[in-house]
Amino acid sequence: MLVLPRVLPRRHARHRVVMRAQVVRERDFQLVGDRIVDLSDGGMMVAAKQRVLTGEPVVLSFRIPWLDRWVDAEAIVTRIVHGRRKGDPGHALGLTWERIDDRALRFLKMHTAGLPEARPLPRLPLPRG
């Protein structure tokens, strides 16, 4: 019998972008990422420069190029991509917003809507039990 993995729906559309950013670990202010690879109104994925643990808080700053506006935010590392699957952007960190300016979030929603969506990669099966 073939058992297919359950796929959880994504809450926010992710959009492919390549933007510079500064993502630092909150506890020691070490730079852990400097390039955004996808962006949504729920968070972002950044190429990782260092190993970080899931659940770690980070502080980040990036410029929305088409608005020439800087955004400062706080996020939590919610996903680690190890770059082993075909299509992975290499070692990357999935971040979920903890604190972000409401106005900046509205700008992101408005201006990312026309960008190409990031192709979702297959997720690993959830453990049963």
N, C-alpha and C. Protein backbone atom coordinates (compact mmCIF):
# COMPACT_ATOMS: atom_id res chain seq x y z
N MET A 1 0.84 -1.17 0.00
CA MET A 1 0.00 0.00 0.00
C MET A 1 0.89 1.24 0.00
N LEU A 2 0.62 2.17 -0.90
CA LEU A 2 1.38 3.40 -1.00
C LEU A 2 0.81 4.43 -0.04
N VAL A 3 1.66 4.96 0.82
CA VAL A 3 1.23 5.97 1.77
C VAL A 3 1.86 7.29 1.36
N LEU A 4 1.03 8.27 1.04
CA LEU A 4 1.53 9.58 0.65
C LEU A 4 1.67 10.46 1.88
N PRO A 5 2.71 11.28 1.91
CA PRO A 5 2.87 12.17 3.07
C PRO A 5 1.79 13.23 3.09
N ARG A 6 1.39 13.62 4.32
CA ARG A 6 0.44 14.71 4.45
C ARG A 6 1.17 16.00 4.11
N VAL A 7 0.54 16.85 3.35
CA VAL A 7 1.13 18.14 3.01
C VAL A 7 0.31 19.20 3.71
N LEU A 8 0.97 20.01 4.51
CA LEU A 8 0.29 21.08 5.22
C LEU A 8 0.21 22.30 4.31
N PRO A 9 -0.94 22.95 4.25
CA PRO A 9 -1.05 24.13 3.41
C PRO A 9 -0.23 25.28 3.97
N ARG A 10 0.30 26.08 3.07
CA ARG A 10 1.06 27.25 3.50
C ARG A 10 0.09 28.37 3.82
N ARG A 11 0.40 29.14 4.84
CA ARG A 11 -0.48 30.23 5.27
C ARG A 11 -0.30 31.47 4.43
N HIS A 12 0.91 31.71 3.94
CA HIS A 12 1.21 32.93 3.21
C HIS A 12 1.90 32.56 1.90
N ALA A 13 1.54 33.25 0.82
CA ALA A 13 2.21 33.02 -0.46
C ALA A 13 3.64 33.52 -0.34
N ARG A 14 4.58 32.68 -0.78
CA ARG A 14 6.00 33.06 -0.76
C ARG A 14 6.39 33.52 -2.16
N HIS A 15 7.20 34.56 -2.21
CA HIS A 15 7.61 35.12 -3.49
C HIS A 15 9.12 35.10 -3.62
N ARG A 16 9.58 34.68 -4.80
CA ARG A 16 11.02 34.64 -5.05
C ARG A 16 11.56 36.07 -5.14
N VAL A 17 12.58 36.33 -4.41
CA VAL A 17 13.27 37.62 -4.47
C VAL A 17 14.75 37.36 -4.21
N VAL A 18 15.56 38.29 -4.59
CA VAL A 18 16.96 38.28 -4.19
C VAL A 18 17.22 39.69 -3.67
N MET A 19 17.35 39.78 -2.36
CA MET A 19 17.55 41.08 -1.72
C MET A 19 18.61 40.93 -0.63
N ARG A 20 19.38 41.97 -0.44
CA ARG A 20 20.36 41.99 0.63
C ARG A 20 19.65 42.23 1.96
N ALA A 21 20.21 41.69 3.00
CA ALA A 21 19.66 41.86 4.34
C ALA A 21 20.79 41.67 5.35
N GLN A 22 20.53 42.06 6.55
CA GLN A 22 21.43 41.74 7.65
C GLN A 22 20.59 41.06 8.71
N VAL A 23 20.89 39.80 8.95
CA VAL A 23 20.17 39.01 9.94
C VAL A 23 21.19 38.61 11.00
N VAL A 24 20.96 39.06 12.24
CA VAL A 24 21.89 38.76 13.32
C VAL A 24 21.17 38.00 14.42
N ARG A 25 21.90 37.07 15.01
CA ARG A 25 21.39 36.31 16.15
C ARG A 25 21.28 37.26 17.33
N GLU A 26 20.15 37.24 18.01
CA GLU A 26 19.90 38.19 19.09
C GLU A 26 20.86 38.03 20.27
N ARG A 27 21.22 36.79 20.61
CA ARG A 27 22.00 36.56 21.83
C ARG A 27 23.44 37.04 21.73
N ASP A 28 24.03 37.05 20.51
CA ASP A 28 25.43 37.48 20.40
C ASP A 28 25.68 38.44 19.24
N PHE A 29 24.64 38.82 18.55
CA PHE A 29 24.71 39.74 17.41
C PHE A 29 25.69 39.31 16.33
N GLN A 30 25.84 38.00 16.16
CA GLN A 30 26.63 37.45 15.07
C GLN A 30 25.79 37.45 13.80
N LEU A 31 26.39 37.84 12.67
CA LEU A 31 25.69 37.82 11.39
C LEU A 31 25.44 36.37 10.99
N VAL A 32 24.17 36.01 10.78
CA VAL A 32 23.83 34.64 10.41
C VAL A 32 23.27 34.54 8.99
N GLY A 33 22.93 35.68 8.38
CA GLY A 33 22.42 35.67 7.02
C GLY A 33 22.49 37.06 6.41
N ASP A 34 22.67 37.10 5.07
CA ASP A 34 22.77 38.40 4.42
C ASP A 34 22.06 38.49 3.07
N ARG A 35 21.31 37.43 2.73
CA ARG A 35 20.61 37.44 1.44
C ARG A 35 19.24 36.79 1.57
N ILE A 36 18.19 37.52 1.22
CA ILE A 36 16.83 36.99 1.24
C ILE A 36 16.61 36.22 -0.05
N VAL A 37 16.06 35.00 0.05
CA VAL A 37 15.78 34.20 -1.16
C VAL A 37 14.29 34.06 -1.43
N ASP A 38 13.46 34.22 -0.41
CA ASP A 38 12.02 34.35 -0.64
C ASP A 38 11.41 35.13 0.51
N LEU A 39 10.25 35.70 0.21
CA LEU A 39 9.65 36.66 1.11
C LEU A 39 8.14 36.47 1.10
N SER A 40 7.53 36.58 2.27
CA SER A 40 6.06 36.54 2.36
C SER A 40 5.66 37.53 3.44
N ASP A 41 4.36 37.73 3.58
CA ASP A 41 3.93 38.62 4.66
C ASP A 41 3.99 37.91 6.01
N GLY A 42 4.35 36.64 6.03
CA GLY A 42 4.50 35.91 7.29
C GLY A 42 5.95 35.75 7.72
N GLY A 43 6.89 36.03 6.81
CA GLY A 43 8.30 35.88 7.13
C GLY A 43 9.14 35.84 5.88
N MET A 44 10.29 35.19 5.98
CA MET A 44 11.21 35.12 4.84
C MET A 44 12.14 33.94 5.00
N MET A 45 12.82 33.60 3.90
CA MET A 45 13.89 32.62 3.94
C MET A 45 15.16 33.35 3.55
N VAL A 46 16.21 33.15 4.34
CA VAL A 46 17.50 33.79 4.07
C VAL A 46 18.58 32.74 3.92
N ALA A 47 19.52 33.02 3.02
CA ALA A 47 20.69 32.14 2.90
C ALA A 47 21.50 32.26 4.18
N ALA A 48 21.87 31.13 4.75
CA ALA A 48 22.55 31.11 6.05
C ALA A 48 24.06 31.21 5.89
N LYS A 49 24.67 31.97 6.76
CA LYS A 49 26.13 32.08 6.81
C LYS A 49 26.70 31.30 8.00
N GLN A 50 25.84 31.01 8.97
CA GLN A 50 26.24 30.27 10.17
C GLN A 50 25.12 29.32 10.56
N ARG A 51 25.47 28.37 11.37
CA ARG A 51 24.46 27.45 11.90
C ARG A 51 23.68 28.16 13.01
N VAL A 52 22.37 27.97 12.99
CA VAL A 52 21.48 28.58 13.97
C VAL A 52 20.48 27.51 14.38
N LEU A 53 19.99 27.58 15.60
CA LEU A 53 19.02 26.61 16.08
C LEU A 53 17.60 27.08 15.82
N THR A 54 16.72 26.14 15.56
CA THR A 54 15.30 26.45 15.46
C THR A 54 14.84 27.05 16.78
N GLY A 55 14.04 28.10 16.70
CA GLY A 55 13.54 28.76 17.90
C GLY A 55 14.37 29.95 18.33
N GLU A 56 15.54 30.15 17.71
CA GLU A 56 16.38 31.28 18.10
C GLU A 56 15.81 32.59 17.57
N PRO A 57 15.79 33.63 18.40
CA PRO A 57 15.35 34.94 17.93
C PRO A 57 16.47 35.63 17.15
N VAL A 58 16.08 36.34 16.10
CA VAL A 58 17.02 37.10 15.29
C VAL A 58 16.48 38.51 15.09
N VAL A 59 17.37 39.42 14.81
CA VAL A 59 17.03 40.80 14.48
C VAL A 59 17.50 41.01 13.05
N LEU A 60 16.67 41.67 12.26
CA LEU A 60 17.05 41.83 10.86
C LEU A 60 16.69 43.20 10.32
N SER A 61 17.40 43.55 9.27
CA SER A 61 17.18 44.82 8.60
C SER A 61 17.35 44.58 7.11
N PHE A 62 16.43 45.10 6.31
CA PHE A 62 16.55 44.98 4.86
C PHE A 62 15.87 46.17 4.21
N ARG A 63 16.27 46.43 2.98
CA ARG A 63 15.72 47.55 2.24
C ARG A 63 14.79 47.01 1.16
N ILE A 64 13.58 47.56 1.11
CA ILE A 64 12.65 47.21 0.04
C ILE A 64 13.08 48.04 -1.16
N PRO A 65 13.73 47.42 -2.16
CA PRO A 65 14.36 48.20 -3.22
C PRO A 65 13.40 49.05 -4.04
N TRP A 66 12.23 48.53 -4.32
CA TRP A 66 11.31 49.28 -5.17
C TRP A 66 10.64 50.43 -4.42
N LEU A 67 10.83 50.50 -3.12
CA LEU A 67 10.29 51.62 -2.33
C LEU A 67 11.40 52.48 -1.73
N ASP A 68 12.64 51.99 -1.80
CA ASP A 68 13.77 52.66 -1.17
C ASP A 68 13.47 52.93 0.30
N ARG A 69 12.94 51.91 0.97
CA ARG A 69 12.56 52.02 2.38
C ARG A 69 13.23 50.89 3.17
N TRP A 70 13.80 51.22 4.32
CA TRP A 70 14.42 50.23 5.19
C TRP A 70 13.39 49.67 6.18
N VAL A 71 13.50 48.39 6.44
CA VAL A 71 12.62 47.73 7.39
C VAL A 71 13.48 47.06 8.45
N ASP A 72 13.16 47.32 9.70
CA ASP A 72 13.80 46.63 10.83
C ASP A 72 12.74 45.73 11.45
N ALA A 73 13.12 44.51 11.77
CA ALA A 73 12.14 43.55 12.31
C ALA A 73 12.84 42.57 13.24
N GLU A 74 12.01 41.85 13.96
CA GLU A 74 12.48 40.74 14.79
C GLU A 74 11.76 39.49 14.31
N ALA A 75 12.46 38.38 14.33
CA ALA A 75 11.86 37.14 13.84
C ALA A 75 12.40 35.96 14.67
N ILE A 76 11.77 34.83 14.46
CA ILE A 76 12.19 33.57 15.09
C ILE A 76 12.56 32.60 13.96
N VAL A 77 13.64 31.86 14.16
CA VAL A 77 14.02 30.82 13.20
C VAL A 77 13.05 29.67 13.37
N THR A 78 12.24 29.42 12.34
CA THR A 78 11.23 28.37 12.43
C THR A 78 11.54 27.17 11.54
N ARG A 79 12.56 27.31 10.68
CA ARG A 79 12.87 26.20 9.78
C ARG A 79 14.34 26.30 9.39
N ILE A 80 14.98 25.15 9.31
CA ILE A 80 16.35 25.06 8.85
C ILE A 80 16.34 24.24 7.56
N VAL A 81 16.89 24.79 6.50
CA VAL A 81 17.02 24.06 5.24
C VAL A 81 18.50 23.70 5.11
N HIS A 82 18.78 22.41 4.96
CA HIS A 82 20.16 21.95 4.93
C HIS A 82 20.73 21.88 3.52
N GLY A 83 19.88 22.11 2.51
CA GLY A 83 20.37 22.13 1.14
C GLY A 83 20.59 20.77 0.53
N ARG A 84 19.93 19.74 1.05
CA ARG A 84 20.13 18.38 0.56
C ARG A 84 19.15 18.00 -0.54
N ARG A 85 18.01 18.69 -0.61
CA ARG A 85 17.01 18.32 -1.61
C ARG A 85 17.22 19.11 -2.90
N LYS A 86 16.83 18.51 -4.00
CA LYS A 86 16.90 19.20 -5.28
C LYS A 86 16.00 20.44 -5.20
N GLY A 87 16.54 21.57 -5.59
CA GLY A 87 15.77 22.81 -5.56
C GLY A 87 15.97 23.64 -4.31
N ASP A 88 16.61 23.08 -3.28
CA ASP A 88 16.91 23.86 -2.07
C ASP A 88 17.85 25.00 -2.42
N PRO A 89 17.71 26.14 -1.75
CA PRO A 89 18.61 27.27 -2.02
C PRO A 89 19.96 27.17 -1.31
N GLY A 90 20.36 25.96 -0.94
CA GLY A 90 21.55 25.79 -0.12
C GLY A 90 21.15 25.84 1.34
N HIS A 91 22.11 26.06 2.22
CA HIS A 91 21.80 26.15 3.66
C HIS A 91 21.04 27.45 3.87
N ALA A 92 19.83 27.36 4.43
CA ALA A 92 18.98 28.55 4.58
C ALA A 92 18.18 28.46 5.86
N LEU A 93 17.65 29.63 6.26
CA LEU A 93 16.86 29.74 7.48
C LEU A 93 15.49 30.28 7.15
N GLY A 94 14.45 29.59 7.61
CA GLY A 94 13.09 30.10 7.49
C GLY A 94 12.78 30.93 8.73
N LEU A 95 12.40 32.18 8.53
CA LEU A 95 12.12 33.09 9.63
C LEU A 95 10.66 33.48 9.64
N THR A 96 10.07 33.55 10.82
CA THR A 96 8.69 34.00 10.99
C THR A 96 8.72 35.29 11.80
N TRP A 97 7.98 36.30 11.29
CA TRP A 97 7.98 37.60 11.96
C TRP A 97 7.50 37.49 13.39
N GLU A 98 8.18 38.17 14.29
CA GLU A 98 7.74 38.34 15.67
C GLU A 98 7.29 39.79 15.85
N ARG A 99 8.10 40.72 15.35
CA ARG A 99 7.78 42.15 15.41
C ARG A 99 8.20 42.78 14.09
N ILE A 100 7.23 43.43 13.47
CA ILE A 100 7.50 44.17 12.24
C ILE A 100 6.48 45.31 12.18
N ASP A 101 6.93 46.44 11.71
CA ASP A 101 6.07 47.61 11.60
C ASP A 101 4.86 47.30 10.71
N ASP A 102 3.65 47.65 11.18
CA ASP A 102 2.43 47.39 10.42
C ASP A 102 2.48 48.01 9.02
N ARG A 103 3.00 49.22 8.95
CA ARG A 103 3.07 49.90 7.65
C ARG A 103 4.02 49.17 6.70
N ALA A 104 5.16 48.72 7.21
CA ALA A 104 6.11 47.96 6.39
C ALA A 104 5.48 46.66 5.91
N LEU A 105 4.73 46.00 6.78
CA LEU A 105 4.06 44.76 6.40
C LEU A 105 3.02 45.00 5.31
N ARG A 106 2.29 46.09 5.40
CA ARG A 106 1.33 46.44 4.34
C ARG A 106 2.04 46.67 3.02
N PHE A 107 3.18 47.39 3.05
CA PHE A 107 3.96 47.61 1.83
C PHE A 107 4.42 46.29 1.24
N LEU A 108 4.90 45.38 2.09
CA LEU A 108 5.36 44.08 1.60
C LEU A 108 4.22 43.32 0.93
N LYS A 109 3.06 43.28 1.57
CA LYS A 109 1.91 42.57 1.00
C LYS A 109 1.54 43.16 -0.35
N MET A 110 1.50 44.49 -0.42
CA MET A 110 1.09 45.17 -1.63
C MET A 110 2.08 44.96 -2.77
N HIS A 111 3.37 45.06 -2.48
CA HIS A 111 4.37 45.06 -3.52
C HIS A 111 4.95 43.70 -3.86
N THR A 112 4.68 42.69 -3.07
CA THR A 112 5.14 41.35 -3.43
C THR A 112 4.07 40.57 -4.19
N ALA A 113 2.84 41.07 -4.20
CA ALA A 113 1.74 40.35 -4.84
C ALA A 113 2.03 40.08 -6.32
N GLY A 114 2.74 40.95 -7.01
CA GLY A 114 3.01 40.76 -8.43
C GLY A 114 4.28 39.98 -8.72
N LEU A 115 5.04 39.63 -7.70
CA LEU A 115 6.28 38.89 -7.91
C LEU A 115 5.99 37.40 -8.13
N PRO A 116 6.87 36.69 -8.82
CA PRO A 116 6.64 35.25 -9.02
C PRO A 116 6.64 34.51 -7.69
N GLU A 117 5.77 33.53 -7.58
CA GLU A 117 5.71 32.73 -6.34
C GLU A 117 6.86 31.74 -6.31
N ALA A 118 7.38 31.53 -5.11
CA ALA A 118 8.43 30.53 -4.91
C ALA A 118 7.79 29.15 -5.03
N ARG A 119 8.42 28.28 -5.78
CA ARG A 119 7.89 26.94 -5.97
C ARG A 119 8.03 26.16 -4.67
N PRO A 120 6.92 25.67 -4.12
CA PRO A 120 7.04 24.91 -2.86
C PRO A 120 7.77 23.60 -3.09
N LEU A 121 8.67 23.28 -2.19
CA LEU A 121 9.39 22.01 -2.25
C LEU A 121 8.61 20.98 -1.47
N PRO A 122 8.74 19.71 -1.84
CA PRO A 122 8.02 18.69 -1.09
C PRO A 122 8.48 18.66 0.36
N ARG A 123 7.54 18.54 1.25
CA ARG A 123 7.88 18.45 2.68
C ARG A 123 8.04 16.99 3.07
N LEU A 124 8.82 16.79 4.09
CA LEU A 124 9.02 15.43 4.57
C LEU A 124 7.75 14.95 5.26
N PRO A 125 7.49 13.65 5.23
CA PRO A 125 6.28 13.15 5.91
C PRO A 125 6.32 13.44 7.39
N LEU A 126 5.17 13.72 7.96
CA LEU A 126 5.05 13.91 9.39
C LEU A 126 5.07 12.57 10.09
N PRO A 127 5.71 12.47 11.23
CA PRO A 127 5.71 11.19 11.95
C PRO A 127 4.30 10.84 12.41
N ARG A 128 4.00 9.58 12.34
CA ARG A 128 2.68 9.13 12.80
C ARG A 128 2.80 8.67 14.24
N GLY A 129 1.71 8.87 14.95
CA GLY A 129 1.74 8.34 16.31
C GLY A 129 1.24 9.23 17.33
